[in-house]
Amino acid sequence: MNAKELLGRDADDLGRDLKNLKQQLFDLKFQWQAEENPDTNRRRNLRKDIARIKTVLRQMQLARDAGARSRRADTTENPPVHP
């Protein structure tokens, strides 16, 4: 999973994926302790995927906030003049 793939998806879908990845990481922690030779790459990749999704969600949130601020600024810059 790379960031370019994530950018085209909606926030709800990313939220579901984030929840799923967190659950996988939680389950893997228990499996990891029981194994003699644990797969450390799987754990690292899950953490990186979680971070990527969180980053994209944050970028989406900042873009929404910036859009809301610009719309608010447009309406307050030129208030209607009443005689």
PDB file of N, CA and C in Angstrom:
ATOM      1  N   MET A   1       0.855  -1.171   0.000  1.00  0.00           N
ATOM      2  CA  MET A   1       0.000   0.000   0.000  1.00  0.00           C
ATOM      3  C   MET A   1       0.902   1.236   0.000  1.00  0.00           C
ATOM      4  N   ASN A   2       0.677   2.130  -0.963  1.00  0.00           N
ATOM      5  CA  ASN A   2       1.450   3.360  -0.961  1.00  0.00           C
ATOM      6  C   ASN A   2       0.516   4.559  -0.862  1.00  0.00           C
ATOM      7  N   ALA A   3       1.088   5.728  -0.638  1.00  0.00           N
ATOM      8  CA  ALA A   3       0.298   6.928  -0.393  1.00  0.00           C
ATOM      9  C   ALA A   3      -0.524   7.326  -1.616  1.00  0.00           C
ATOM     10  N   LYS A   4      -0.013   7.095  -2.808  1.00  0.00           N
ATOM     11  CA  LYS A   4      -0.758   7.460  -4.018  1.00  0.00           C
ATOM     12  C   LYS A   4      -2.059   6.683  -4.124  1.00  0.00           C
ATOM     13  N   GLU A   5      -2.029   5.415  -3.712  1.00  0.00           N
ATOM     14  CA  GLU A   5      -3.247   4.600  -3.727  1.00  0.00           C
ATOM     15  C   GLU A   5      -4.267   5.125  -2.726  1.00  0.00           C
ATOM     16  N   LEU A   6      -3.780   5.649  -1.617  1.00  0.00           N
ATOM     17  CA  LEU A   6      -4.672   6.101  -0.550  1.00  0.00           C
ATOM     18  C   LEU A   6      -5.330   7.442  -0.860  1.00  0.00           C
ATOM     19  N   LEU A   7      -4.664   8.286  -1.638  1.00  0.00           N
ATOM     20  CA  LEU A   7      -5.172   9.630  -1.883  1.00  0.00           C
ATOM     21  C   LEU A   7      -6.507   9.645  -2.625  1.00  0.00           C
ATOM     22  N   GLY A   8      -6.775   8.660  -3.438  1.00  0.00           N
ATOM     23  CA  GLY A   8      -8.012   8.639  -4.206  1.00  0.00           C
ATOM     24  C   GLY A   8      -9.203   8.076  -3.456  1.00  0.00           C
ATOM     25  N   ARG A   9      -9.011   7.646  -2.233  1.00  0.00           N
ATOM     26  CA  ARG A   9     -10.102   7.004  -1.487  1.00  0.00           C
ATOM     27  C   ARG A   9     -10.743   7.986  -0.517  1.00  0.00           C
ATOM     28  N   ASP A  10     -11.972   7.683  -0.088  1.00  0.00           N
ATOM     29  CA  ASP A  10     -12.669   8.583   0.834  1.00  0.00           C
ATOM     30  C   ASP A  10     -12.289   8.283   2.283  1.00  0.00           C
ATOM     31  N   ALA A  11     -12.610   9.212   3.164  1.00  0.00           N
ATOM     32  CA  ALA A  11     -12.204   9.140   4.563  1.00  0.00           C
ATOM     33  C   ALA A  11     -12.834   7.950   5.287  1.00  0.00           C
ATOM     34  N   ASP A  12     -14.078   7.618   4.967  1.00  0.00           N
ATOM     35  CA  ASP A  12     -14.738   6.487   5.630  1.00  0.00           C
ATOM     36  C   ASP A  12     -14.039   5.169   5.313  1.00  0.00           C
ATOM     37  N   ASP A  13     -13.674   5.016   4.060  1.00  0.00           N
ATOM     38  CA  ASP A  13     -12.977   3.811   3.625  1.00  0.00           C
ATOM     39  C   ASP A  13     -11.611   3.713   4.304  1.00  0.00           C
ATOM     40  N   LEU A  14     -10.914   4.830   4.371  1.00  0.00           N
ATOM     41  CA  LEU A  14      -9.609   4.842   5.040  1.00  0.00           C
ATOM     42  C   LEU A  14      -9.748   4.553   6.534  1.00  0.00           C
ATOM     43  N   GLY A  15     -10.797   5.054   7.133  1.00  0.00           N
ATOM     44  CA  GLY A  15     -11.040   4.785   8.551  1.00  0.00           C
ATOM     45  C   GLY A  15     -11.261   3.304   8.819  1.00  0.00           C
ATOM     46  N   ARG A  16     -12.000   2.654   7.920  1.00  0.00           N
ATOM     47  CA  ARG A  16     -12.214   1.209   8.065  1.00  0.00           C
ATOM     48  C   ARG A  16     -10.902   0.443   7.908  1.00  0.00           C
ATOM     49  N   ASP A  17     -10.104   0.859   6.929  1.00  0.00           N
ATOM     50  CA  ASP A  17      -8.801   0.210   6.739  1.00  0.00           C
ATOM     51  C   ASP A  17      -7.897   0.417   7.945  1.00  0.00           C
ATOM     52  N   LEU A  18      -7.926   1.622   8.499  1.00  0.00           N
ATOM     53  CA  LEU A  18      -7.106   1.918   9.674  1.00  0.00           C
ATOM     54  C   LEU A  18      -7.497   1.030  10.847  1.00  0.00           C
ATOM     55  N   LYS A  19      -8.793   0.890  11.071  1.00  0.00           N
ATOM     56  CA  LYS A  19      -9.271   0.039  12.154  1.00  0.00           C
ATOM     57  C   LYS A  19      -8.841  -1.410  11.937  1.00  0.00           C
ATOM     58  N   ASN A  20      -8.943  -1.875  10.699  1.00  0.00           N
ATOM     59  CA  ASN A  20      -8.561  -3.238  10.357  1.00  0.00           C
ATOM     60  C   ASN A  20      -7.059  -3.461  10.585  1.00  0.00           C
ATOM     61  N   LEU A  21      -6.243  -2.520  10.153  1.00  0.00           N
ATOM     62  CA  LEU A  21      -4.794  -2.655  10.331  1.00  0.00           C
ATOM     63  C   LEU A  21      -4.394  -2.629  11.804  1.00  0.00           C
ATOM     64  N   LYS A  22      -5.062  -1.800  12.572  1.00  0.00           N
ATOM     65  CA  LYS A  22      -4.772  -1.758  14.011  1.00  0.00           C
ATOM     66  C   LYS A  22      -5.113  -3.096  14.665  1.00  0.00           C
ATOM     67  N   GLN A  23      -6.214  -3.707  14.245  1.00  0.00           N
ATOM     68  CA  GLN A  23      -6.598  -5.002  14.781  1.00  0.00           C
ATOM     69  C   GLN A  23      -5.582  -6.069  14.383  1.00  0.00           C
ATOM     70  N   GLN A  24      -5.114  -6.022  13.133  1.00  0.00           N
ATOM     71  CA  GLN A  24      -4.104  -6.972  12.684  1.00  0.00           C
ATOM     72  C   GLN A  24      -2.818  -6.832  13.488  1.00  0.00           C
ATOM     73  N   LEU A  25      -2.417  -5.592  13.764  1.00  0.00           N
ATOM     74  CA  LEU A  25      -1.206  -5.361  14.548  1.00  0.00           C
ATOM     75  C   LEU A  25      -1.379  -5.885  15.968  1.00  0.00           C
ATOM     76  N   PHE A  26      -2.551  -5.667  16.540  1.00  0.00           N
ATOM     77  CA  PHE A  26      -2.844  -6.161  17.885  1.00  0.00           C
ATOM     78  C   PHE A  26      -2.741  -7.686  17.925  1.00  0.00           C
ATOM     79  N   ASP A  27      -3.363  -8.338  16.951  1.00  0.00           N
ATOM     80  CA  ASP A  27      -3.318  -9.802  16.887  1.00  0.00           C
ATOM     81  C   ASP A  27      -1.893 -10.301  16.662  1.00  0.00           C
ATOM     82  N   LEU A  28      -1.167  -9.598  15.837  1.00  0.00           N
ATOM     83  CA  LEU A  28       0.198 -10.001  15.524  1.00  0.00           C
ATOM     84  C   LEU A  28       1.106  -9.915  16.748  1.00  0.00           C
ATOM     85  N   LYS A  29       0.835  -8.974  17.631  1.00  0.00           N
ATOM     86  CA  LYS A  29       1.659  -8.849  18.841  1.00  0.00           C
ATOM     87  C   LYS A  29       1.578 -10.115  19.685  1.00  0.00           C
ATOM     88  N   PHE A  30       0.403 -10.700  19.763  1.00  0.00           N
ATOM     89  CA  PHE A  30       0.257 -11.935  20.540  1.00  0.00           C
ATOM     90  C   PHE A  30       0.913 -13.112  19.820  1.00  0.00           C
ATOM     91  N   GLN A  31       0.720 -13.180  18.521  1.00  0.00           N
ATOM     92  CA  GLN A  31       1.348 -14.253  17.751  1.00  0.00           C
ATOM     93  C   GLN A  31       2.864 -14.126  17.789  1.00  0.00           C
ATOM     94  N   TRP A  32       3.347 -12.904  17.759  1.00  0.00           N
ATOM     95  CA  TRP A  32       4.775 -12.630  17.717  1.00  0.00           C
ATOM     96  C   TRP A  32       5.468 -13.160  18.965  1.00  0.00           C
ATOM     97  N   GLN A  33       4.820 -13.042  20.108  1.00  0.00           N
ATOM     98  CA  GLN A  33       5.424 -13.494  21.363  1.00  0.00           C
ATOM     99  C   GLN A  33       5.452 -15.016  21.453  1.00  0.00           C
ATOM    100  N   ALA A  34       4.544 -15.691  20.761  1.00  0.00           N
ATOM    101  CA  ALA A  34       4.465 -17.145  20.847  1.00  0.00           C
ATOM    102  C   ALA A  34       5.437 -17.827  19.884  1.00  0.00           C
ATOM    103  N   GLU A  35       5.883 -17.125  18.860  1.00  0.00           N
ATOM    104  CA  GLU A  35       6.741 -17.730  17.849  1.00  0.00           C
ATOM    105  C   GLU A  35       8.212 -17.665  18.258  1.00  0.00           C
ATOM    106  N   GLU A  36       8.975 -18.632  17.770  1.00  0.00           N
ATOM    107  CA  GLU A  36      10.410 -18.623  18.011  1.00  0.00           C
ATOM    108  C   GLU A  36      11.109 -17.626  17.101  1.00  0.00           C
ATOM    109  N   ASN A  37      10.757 -17.641  15.832  1.00  0.00           N
ATOM    110  CA  ASN A  37      11.361 -16.734  14.858  1.00  0.00           C
ATOM    111  C   ASN A  37      10.272 -15.831  14.276  1.00  0.00           C
ATOM    112  N   PRO A  38       9.942 -14.767  14.973  1.00  0.00           N
ATOM    113  CA  PRO A  38       8.850 -13.914  14.506  1.00  0.00           C
ATOM    114  C   PRO A  38       9.234 -13.141  13.244  1.00  0.00           C
ATOM    115  N   ASP A  39       8.216 -12.842  12.455  1.00  0.00           N
ATOM    116  CA  ASP A  39       8.396 -12.078  11.226  1.00  0.00           C
ATOM    117  C   ASP A  39       8.329 -10.592  11.574  1.00  0.00           C
ATOM    118  N   THR A  40       9.479  -9.983  11.754  1.00  0.00           N
ATOM    119  CA  THR A  40       9.518  -8.573  12.148  1.00  0.00           C
ATOM    120  C   THR A  40       9.121  -7.650  11.003  1.00  0.00           C
ATOM    121  N   ASN A  41       9.298  -8.097   9.772  1.00  0.00           N
ATOM    122  CA  ASN A  41       8.924  -7.259   8.630  1.00  0.00           C
ATOM    123  C   ASN A  41       7.421  -7.014   8.587  1.00  0.00           C
ATOM    124  N   ARG A  42       6.644  -8.018   8.890  1.00  0.00           N
ATOM    125  CA  ARG A  42       5.177  -7.881   8.871  1.00  0.00           C
ATOM    126  C   ARG A  42       4.731  -6.810   9.868  1.00  0.00           C
ATOM    127  N   ARG A  43       5.312  -6.858  11.053  1.00  0.00           N
ATOM    128  CA  ARG A  43       4.956  -5.889  12.095  1.00  0.00           C
ATOM    129  C   ARG A  43       5.343  -4.473  11.667  1.00  0.00           C
ATOM    130  N   ARG A  44       6.549  -4.332  11.126  1.00  0.00           N
ATOM    131  CA  ARG A  44       7.019  -3.020  10.681  1.00  0.00           C
ATOM    132  C   ARG A  44       6.147  -2.488   9.549  1.00  0.00           C
ATOM    133  N   ASN A  45       5.798  -3.342   8.598  1.00  0.00           N
ATOM    134  CA  ASN A  45       4.969  -2.911   7.474  1.00  0.00           C
ATOM    135  C   ASN A  45       3.570  -2.492   7.918  1.00  0.00           C
ATOM    136  N   LEU A  46       3.017  -3.195   8.891  1.00  0.00           N
ATOM    137  CA  LEU A  46       1.701  -2.800   9.413  1.00  0.00           C
ATOM    138  C   LEU A  46       1.775  -1.415  10.053  1.00  0.00           C
ATOM    139  N   ARG A  47       2.808  -1.173  10.831  1.00  0.00           N
ATOM    140  CA  ARG A  47       2.953   0.134  11.479  1.00  0.00           C
ATOM    141  C   ARG A  47       3.120   1.243  10.442  1.00  0.00           C
ATOM    142  N   LYS A  48       3.859   0.964   9.382  1.00  0.00           N
ATOM    143  CA  LYS A  48       4.051   1.959   8.326  1.00  0.00           C
ATOM    144  C   LYS A  48       2.745   2.223   7.579  1.00  0.00           C
ATOM    145  N   ASP A  49       1.973   1.173   7.308  1.00  0.00           N
ATOM    146  CA  ASP A  49       0.683   1.353   6.638  1.00  0.00           C
ATOM    147  C   ASP A  49      -0.266   2.180   7.495  1.00  0.00           C
ATOM    148  N   ILE A  50      -0.257   1.927   8.796  1.00  0.00           N
ATOM    149  CA  ILE A  50      -1.092   2.703   9.717  1.00  0.00           C
ATOM    150  C   ILE A  50      -0.677   4.173   9.670  1.00  0.00           C
ATOM    151  N   ALA A  51       0.614   4.427   9.683  1.00  0.00           N
ATOM    152  CA  ALA A  51       1.110   5.804   9.634  1.00  0.00           C
ATOM    153  C   ALA A  51       0.735   6.484   8.318  1.00  0.00           C
ATOM    154  N   ARG A  52       0.809   5.753   7.212  1.00  0.00           N
ATOM    155  CA  ARG A  52       0.439   6.323   5.914  1.00  0.00           C
ATOM    156  C   ARG A  52      -1.030   6.732   5.895  1.00  0.00           C
ATOM    157  N   ILE A  53      -1.887   5.861   6.403  1.00  0.00           N
ATOM    158  CA  ILE A  53      -3.324   6.175   6.416  1.00  0.00           C
ATOM    159  C   ILE A  53      -3.597   7.370   7.318  1.00  0.00           C
ATOM    160  N   LYS A  54      -2.969   7.405   8.480  1.00  0.00           N
ATOM    161  CA  LYS A  54      -3.164   8.551   9.376  1.00  0.00           C
ATOM    162  C   LYS A  54      -2.700   9.849   8.725  1.00  0.00           C
ATOM    163  N   THR A  55      -1.599   9.789   7.986  1.00  0.00           N
ATOM    164  CA  THR A  55      -1.092  10.974   7.312  1.00  0.00           C
ATOM    165  C   THR A  55      -2.067  11.468   6.248  1.00  0.00           C
ATOM    166  N   VAL A  56      -2.599  10.555   5.456  1.00  0.00           N
ATOM    167  CA  VAL A  56      -3.545  10.943   4.409  1.00  0.00           C
ATOM    168  C   VAL A  56      -4.825  11.499   5.032  1.00  0.00           C
ATOM    169  N   LEU A  57      -5.302  10.877   6.104  1.00  0.00           N
ATOM    170  CA  LEU A  57      -6.505  11.391   6.780  1.00  0.00           C
ATOM    171  C   LEU A  57      -6.272  12.799   7.317  1.00  0.00           C
ATOM    172  N   ARG A  58      -5.090  13.039   7.857  1.00  0.00           N
ATOM    173  CA  ARG A  58      -4.763  14.367   8.380  1.00  0.00           C
ATOM    174  C   ARG A  58      -4.688  15.383   7.251  1.00  0.00           C
ATOM    175  N   GLN A  59      -4.099  15.005   6.123  1.00  0.00           N
ATOM    176  CA  GLN A  59      -4.039  15.904   4.968  1.00  0.00           C
ATOM    177  C   GLN A  59      -5.440  16.249   4.487  1.00  0.00           C
ATOM    178  N   MET A  60      -6.324  15.267   4.478  1.00  0.00           N
ATOM    179  CA  MET A  60      -7.706  15.511   4.060  1.00  0.00           C
ATOM    180  C   MET A  60      -8.392  16.482   5.022  1.00  0.00           C
ATOM    181  N   GLN A  61      -8.145  16.290   6.310  1.00  0.00           N
ATOM    182  CA  GLN A  61      -8.744  17.166   7.315  1.00  0.00           C
ATOM    183  C   GLN A  61      -8.233  18.598   7.161  1.00  0.00           C
ATOM    184  N   LEU A  62      -6.934  18.760   6.957  1.00  0.00           N
ATOM    185  CA  LEU A  62      -6.375  20.097   6.782  1.00  0.00           C
ATOM    186  C   LEU A  62      -6.910  20.765   5.522  1.00  0.00           C
ATOM    187  N   ALA A  63      -7.087  20.007   4.455  1.00  0.00           N
ATOM    188  CA  ALA A  63      -7.628  20.562   3.216  1.00  0.00           C
ATOM    189  C   ALA A  63      -9.071  21.027   3.416  1.00  0.00           C
ATOM    190  N   ARG A  64      -9.852  20.208   4.144  1.00  0.00           N
ATOM    191  CA  ARG A  64     -11.240  20.608   4.440  1.00  0.00           C
ATOM    192  C   ARG A  64     -11.264  21.877   5.276  1.00  0.00           C
ATOM    193  N   ASP A  65     -10.410  21.946   6.297  1.00  0.00           N
ATOM    194  CA  ASP A  65     -10.369  23.116   7.170  1.00  0.00           C
ATOM    195  C   ASP A  65      -9.935  24.359   6.416  1.00  0.00           C
ATOM    196  N   ALA A  66      -8.948  24.208   5.534  1.00  0.00           N
ATOM    197  CA  ALA A  66      -8.477  25.346   4.748  1.00  0.00           C
ATOM    198  C   ALA A  66      -9.578  25.828   3.806  1.00  0.00           C
ATOM    199  N   GLY A  67     -10.316  24.912   3.222  1.00  0.00           N
ATOM    200  CA  GLY A  67     -11.422  25.287   2.343  1.00  0.00           C
ATOM    201  C   GLY A  67     -12.518  26.016   3.099  1.00  0.00           C
ATOM    202  N   ALA A  68     -12.814  25.559   4.293  1.00  0.00           N
ATOM    203  CA  ALA A  68     -13.841  26.206   5.105  1.00  0.00           C
ATOM    204  C   ALA A  68     -13.391  27.602   5.520  1.00  0.00           C
ATOM    205  N   ARG A  69     -12.115  27.742   5.847  1.00  0.00           N
ATOM    206  CA  ARG A  69     -11.601  29.052   6.240  1.00  0.00           C
ATOM    207  C   ARG A  69     -11.623  30.016   5.066  1.00  0.00           C
ATOM    208  N   SER A  70     -11.268  29.541   3.887  1.00  0.00           N
ATOM    209  CA  SER A  70     -11.245  30.439   2.731  1.00  0.00           C
ATOM    210  C   SER A  70     -12.661  30.874   2.363  1.00  0.00           C
ATOM    211  N   ARG A  71     -13.621  29.974   2.485  1.00  0.00           N
ATOM    212  CA  ARG A  71     -15.012  30.356   2.212  1.00  0.00           C
ATOM    213  C   ARG A  71     -15.494  31.365   3.241  1.00  0.00           C
ATOM    214  N   ARG A  72     -15.115  31.162   4.499  1.00  0.00           N
ATOM    215  CA  ARG A  72     -15.501  32.094   5.549  1.00  0.00           C
ATOM    216  C   ARG A  72     -14.856  33.457   5.311  1.00  0.00           C
ATOM    217  N   ALA A  73     -13.591  33.471   4.897  1.00  0.00           N
ATOM    218  CA  ALA A  73     -12.878  34.718   4.648  1.00  0.00           C
ATOM    219  C   ALA A  73     -13.493  35.454   3.467  1.00  0.00           C
ATOM    220  N   ASP A  74     -13.938  34.732   2.446  1.00  0.00           N
ATOM    221  CA  ASP A  74     -14.557  35.366   1.281  1.00  0.00           C
ATOM    222  C   ASP A  74     -15.840  36.093   1.665  1.00  0.00           C
ATOM    223  N   THR A  75     -16.589  35.555   2.573  1.00  0.00           N
ATOM    224  CA  THR A  75     -17.855  36.179   2.946  1.00  0.00           C
ATOM    225  C   THR A  75     -17.661  37.329   3.919  1.00  0.00           C
ATOM    226  N   THR A  76     -16.564  37.357   4.677  1.00  0.00           N
ATOM    227  CA  THR A  76     -16.362  38.421   5.648  1.00  0.00           C
ATOM    228  C   THR A  76     -15.518  39.562   5.107  1.00  0.00           C
ATOM    229  N   GLU A  77     -14.796  39.367   3.987  1.00  0.00           N
ATOM    230  CA  GLU A  77     -13.977  40.437   3.429  1.00  0.00           C
ATOM    231  C   GLU A  77     -14.837  41.571   2.864  1.00  0.00           C
ATOM    232  N   ASN A  78     -15.877  41.233   2.178  1.00  0.00           N
ATOM    233  CA  ASN A  78     -16.718  42.238   1.532  1.00  0.00           C
ATOM    234  C   ASN A  78     -18.142  42.163   2.093  1.00  0.00           C
ATOM    235  N   PRO A  79     -18.329  42.687   3.308  1.00  0.00           N
ATOM    236  CA  PRO A  79     -19.695  42.626   3.862  1.00  0.00           C
ATOM    237  C   PRO A  79     -20.621  43.532   3.052  1.00  0.00           C
ATOM    238  N   PRO A  80     -21.885  43.184   2.983  1.00  0.00           N
ATOM    239  CA  PRO A  80     -22.830  44.001   2.215  1.00  0.00           C
ATOM    240  C   PRO A  80     -22.975  45.371   2.850  1.00  0.00           C
ATOM    241  N   VAL A  81     -23.083  46.363   1.996  1.00  0.00           N
ATOM    242  CA  VAL A  81     -23.218  47.737   2.459  1.00  0.00           C
ATOM    243  C   VAL A  81     -24.695  48.083   2.478  1.00  0.00           C
ATOM    244  N   HIS A  82     -25.181  48.488   3.651  1.00  0.00           N
ATOM    245  CA  HIS A  82     -26.589  48.875   3.801  1.00  0.00           C
ATOM    246  C   HIS A  82     -26.646  50.385   4.018  1.00  0.00           C
ATOM    247  N   PRO A  83     -27.396  51.108   3.190  1.00  0.00           N
ATOM    248  CA  PRO A  83     -27.484  52.567   3.368  1.00  0.00           C
ATOM    249  C   PRO A  83     -28.311  52.974   4.554  1.00  0.00           C
TER     250      PRO A  83
END
